[in-house]
Structures are given as structure tokens and as C-alpha cells.
């Protein structure tokens, strides 16, 4: 299911230690400069390569964020 969540919903997921992945969809340099605690780096151009390894639980929710609409 694709839908946006609010910051409050994300905070609740983190606080409750919900079963989800927090993914930053930006390049490694941007990730190293600043990212949310616990976020995994998954640049858009490496999804096919990295996703199976860093997101192994196929039943877990995935929350993705980036710096812009694209």
C-alpha cells in the first residue's frame, strides 16, 4: 500500500518500535551529512542491487523519505 504518513505517525512507529524500515532515498554523501536516526541509505539508482540485502523482511512496512518530490 502506498500512502504518505505524518511526522506524528512516524514518531509513533519509532517509539513503539514497530516493524518497519526507515529508508533515506538519497545519495551516500547526503546520507552521511544528515539522516534520521536508524535510517538506512537506499539511493534510487541502487534499489535493485541493495534492497534485497538491506530490506530482507518482505512483510515489514517501508517508510521512505528524501529531500524532494522526485
N, C-alpha and C. Protein backbone atom coordinates (compact mmCIF):
# COMPACT_ATOMS: atom_id res chain seq x y z
N UNK A 1 0.85 -1.17 0.00
CA UNK A 1 0.00 0.00 0.00
C UNK A 1 0.89 1.23 0.00
N UNK A 2 0.67 2.12 -0.92
CA UNK A 2 1.42 3.37 -1.00
C UNK A 2 0.59 4.50 -0.43
N UNK A 3 1.11 5.14 0.59
CA UNK A 3 0.46 6.34 1.11
C UNK A 3 1.44 7.12 1.97
N UNK A 4 1.18 8.38 2.11
CA UNK A 4 2.02 9.24 2.93
C UNK A 4 1.63 9.08 4.40
N UNK A 5 2.62 9.23 5.26
CA UNK A 5 2.33 9.24 6.69
C UNK A 5 2.77 10.59 7.23
N UNK A 6 2.23 10.92 8.37
CA UNK A 6 2.59 12.19 9.01
C UNK A 6 3.82 11.99 9.88
N UNK A 7 4.42 13.09 10.26
CA UNK A 7 5.55 13.04 11.17
C UNK A 7 5.13 12.40 12.49
N UNK A 8 3.93 12.71 12.97
CA UNK A 8 3.45 12.10 14.22
C UNK A 8 3.32 10.59 14.08
N UNK A 9 2.86 10.12 12.92
CA UNK A 9 2.75 8.67 12.71
C UNK A 9 4.14 8.02 12.70
N UNK A 10 5.11 8.68 12.09
CA UNK A 10 6.47 8.14 12.09
C UNK A 10 7.02 8.11 13.50
N UNK A 11 6.81 9.16 14.25
CA UNK A 11 7.28 9.19 15.64
C UNK A 11 6.67 8.05 16.44
N UNK A 12 5.38 7.77 16.22
CA UNK A 12 4.71 6.67 16.91
C UNK A 12 5.34 5.33 16.54
N UNK A 13 5.60 5.12 15.25
CA UNK A 13 6.23 3.88 14.81
C UNK A 13 7.59 3.69 15.48
N UNK A 14 8.37 4.77 15.53
CA UNK A 14 9.69 4.69 16.15
C UNK A 14 9.56 4.41 17.64
N UNK A 15 8.69 5.13 18.32
CA UNK A 15 8.52 4.97 19.76
C UNK A 15 8.06 3.56 20.12
N UNK A 16 7.12 3.04 19.32
CA UNK A 16 6.57 1.70 19.60
C UNK A 16 7.45 0.59 19.05
N UNK A 17 8.57 0.97 18.42
CA UNK A 17 9.47 0.01 17.81
C UNK A 17 8.71 -0.91 16.86
N UNK A 18 7.89 -0.28 16.03
CA UNK A 18 7.09 -1.00 15.05
C UNK A 18 7.97 -1.75 14.06
N UNK A 19 7.36 -2.66 13.36
CA UNK A 19 8.06 -3.50 12.39
C UNK A 19 8.07 -2.75 11.04
N UNK A 20 9.14 -1.99 10.84
CA UNK A 20 9.24 -1.21 9.61
C UNK A 20 10.70 -0.86 9.36
N UNK A 21 10.96 -0.51 8.12
CA UNK A 21 12.26 0.02 7.73
C UNK A 21 12.09 1.51 7.46
N UNK A 22 13.06 2.28 7.89
CA UNK A 22 13.11 3.71 7.60
C UNK A 22 14.22 3.90 6.58
N UNK A 23 13.86 4.33 5.37
CA UNK A 23 14.80 4.39 4.27
C UNK A 23 14.97 5.82 3.77
N UNK A 24 16.21 6.25 3.70
CA UNK A 24 16.51 7.54 3.09
C UNK A 24 16.91 7.28 1.64
N UNK A 25 16.14 7.85 0.73
CA UNK A 25 16.36 7.63 -0.70
C UNK A 25 17.17 8.78 -1.31
N UNK A 26 18.38 8.94 -0.80
CA UNK A 26 19.28 9.96 -1.31
C UNK A 26 20.66 9.34 -1.47
N UNK A 27 21.53 10.03 -2.13
CA UNK A 27 22.88 9.53 -2.33
C UNK A 27 23.65 9.41 -1.03
N UNK A 28 24.73 8.62 -1.04
CA UNK A 28 25.52 8.39 0.17
C UNK A 28 26.08 9.65 0.81
N UNK A 29 26.48 10.63 0.01
CA UNK A 29 27.04 11.86 0.59
C UNK A 29 25.99 12.62 1.40
N UNK A 30 24.78 12.71 0.87
CA UNK A 30 23.70 13.38 1.58
C UNK A 30 23.35 12.59 2.85
N UNK A 31 23.31 11.26 2.72
CA UNK A 31 23.01 10.40 3.87
C UNK A 31 24.04 10.61 4.98
N UNK A 32 25.33 10.62 4.62
CA UNK A 32 26.38 10.81 5.61
C UNK A 32 26.30 12.18 6.27
N UNK A 33 25.89 13.17 5.50
CA UNK A 33 25.80 14.53 6.03
C UNK A 33 24.68 14.66 7.05
N UNK A 34 23.53 14.08 6.74
CA UNK A 34 22.39 14.18 7.65
C UNK A 34 21.36 13.12 7.30
N UNK A 35 20.94 12.38 8.29
CA UNK A 35 19.86 11.40 8.12
C UNK A 35 19.17 11.17 9.46
N UNK A 36 17.96 10.67 9.39
CA UNK A 36 17.23 10.38 10.62
C UNK A 36 17.86 9.19 11.32
N UNK A 37 17.89 9.19 12.65
CA UNK A 37 18.46 8.06 13.39
C UNK A 37 17.79 6.74 12.99
N UNK A 38 18.60 5.75 12.71
CA UNK A 38 18.09 4.43 12.36
C UNK A 38 17.75 4.26 10.89
N UNK A 39 17.88 5.34 10.11
CA UNK A 39 17.54 5.25 8.68
C UNK A 39 18.60 4.47 7.92
N UNK A 40 18.14 3.74 6.92
CA UNK A 40 19.02 3.01 6.02
C UNK A 40 19.15 3.82 4.74
N UNK A 41 20.31 3.78 4.12
CA UNK A 41 20.52 4.52 2.88
C UNK A 41 20.25 3.61 1.69
N UNK A 42 19.33 4.03 0.83
CA UNK A 42 18.99 3.26 -0.36
C UNK A 42 18.79 4.24 -1.52
N UNK A 43 19.89 4.62 -2.18
CA UNK A 43 19.79 5.55 -3.30
C UNK A 43 18.91 4.96 -4.41
N UNK A 44 18.13 5.79 -5.07
CA UNK A 44 17.22 5.29 -6.12
C UNK A 44 17.92 4.48 -7.21
N UNK A 45 19.14 4.85 -7.55
CA UNK A 45 19.83 4.12 -8.62
C UNK A 45 20.43 2.79 -8.17
N UNK A 46 20.25 2.42 -6.89
CA UNK A 46 20.80 1.15 -6.39
C UNK A 46 19.74 0.27 -5.73
N UNK A 47 18.47 0.58 -5.92
CA UNK A 47 17.40 -0.17 -5.28
C UNK A 47 17.46 -1.65 -5.62
N UNK A 48 17.53 -1.98 -6.91
CA UNK A 48 17.54 -3.39 -7.32
C UNK A 48 18.72 -4.15 -6.70
N UNK A 49 19.84 -3.48 -6.59
CA UNK A 49 21.05 -4.11 -6.05
C UNK A 49 21.00 -4.27 -4.52
N UNK A 50 20.60 -3.22 -3.82
CA UNK A 50 20.71 -3.20 -2.35
C UNK A 50 19.46 -3.65 -1.59
N UNK A 51 18.28 -3.41 -2.13
CA UNK A 51 17.04 -3.68 -1.38
C UNK A 51 16.94 -5.12 -0.86
N UNK A 52 17.24 -6.13 -1.66
CA UNK A 52 17.11 -7.50 -1.12
C UNK A 52 17.99 -7.75 0.10
N UNK A 53 19.13 -7.07 0.16
CA UNK A 53 20.06 -7.29 1.27
C UNK A 53 19.70 -6.46 2.50
N UNK A 54 19.35 -5.18 2.30
CA UNK A 54 19.12 -4.33 3.48
C UNK A 54 17.66 -4.31 3.93
N UNK A 55 16.75 -4.84 3.11
CA UNK A 55 15.33 -4.91 3.47
C UNK A 55 14.83 -6.36 3.34
N UNK A 56 15.40 -7.27 4.13
CA UNK A 56 15.07 -8.68 3.95
C UNK A 56 13.66 -9.09 4.38
N UNK A 57 13.06 -8.38 5.34
CA UNK A 57 11.73 -8.75 5.83
C UNK A 57 10.68 -8.20 4.87
N UNK A 58 10.17 -9.05 4.01
CA UNK A 58 9.23 -8.61 2.98
C UNK A 58 7.85 -8.26 3.53
N UNK A 59 7.59 -8.59 4.78
CA UNK A 59 6.30 -8.26 5.38
C UNK A 59 6.33 -6.96 6.18
N UNK A 60 7.51 -6.41 6.40
CA UNK A 60 7.64 -5.17 7.17
C UNK A 60 7.26 -3.97 6.30
N UNK A 61 6.70 -2.97 6.94
CA UNK A 61 6.40 -1.72 6.24
C UNK A 61 7.71 -1.01 5.91
N UNK A 62 7.67 -0.18 4.87
CA UNK A 62 8.84 0.60 4.48
C UNK A 62 8.42 2.07 4.42
N UNK A 63 9.09 2.89 5.21
CA UNK A 63 8.86 4.33 5.20
C UNK A 63 10.06 4.94 4.48
N UNK A 64 9.79 5.62 3.37
CA UNK A 64 10.84 6.22 2.55
C UNK A 64 10.73 7.74 2.62
N UNK A 65 11.89 8.38 2.77
CA UNK A 65 11.90 9.84 2.72
C UNK A 65 13.08 10.31 1.89
N UNK A 66 12.96 11.52 1.38
CA UNK A 66 14.03 12.12 0.58
C UNK A 66 13.90 13.64 0.69
N UNK A 67 14.72 14.35 -0.07
CA UNK A 67 14.71 15.81 0.05
C UNK A 67 13.82 16.50 -0.96
N UNK A 68 13.21 15.78 -1.86
CA UNK A 68 12.36 16.40 -2.87
C UNK A 68 11.34 15.45 -3.44
N UNK A 69 10.48 15.94 -4.29
CA UNK A 69 9.38 15.12 -4.82
C UNK A 69 9.81 14.05 -5.81
N UNK A 70 11.00 14.13 -6.38
CA UNK A 70 11.43 13.12 -7.34
C UNK A 70 12.26 12.07 -6.68
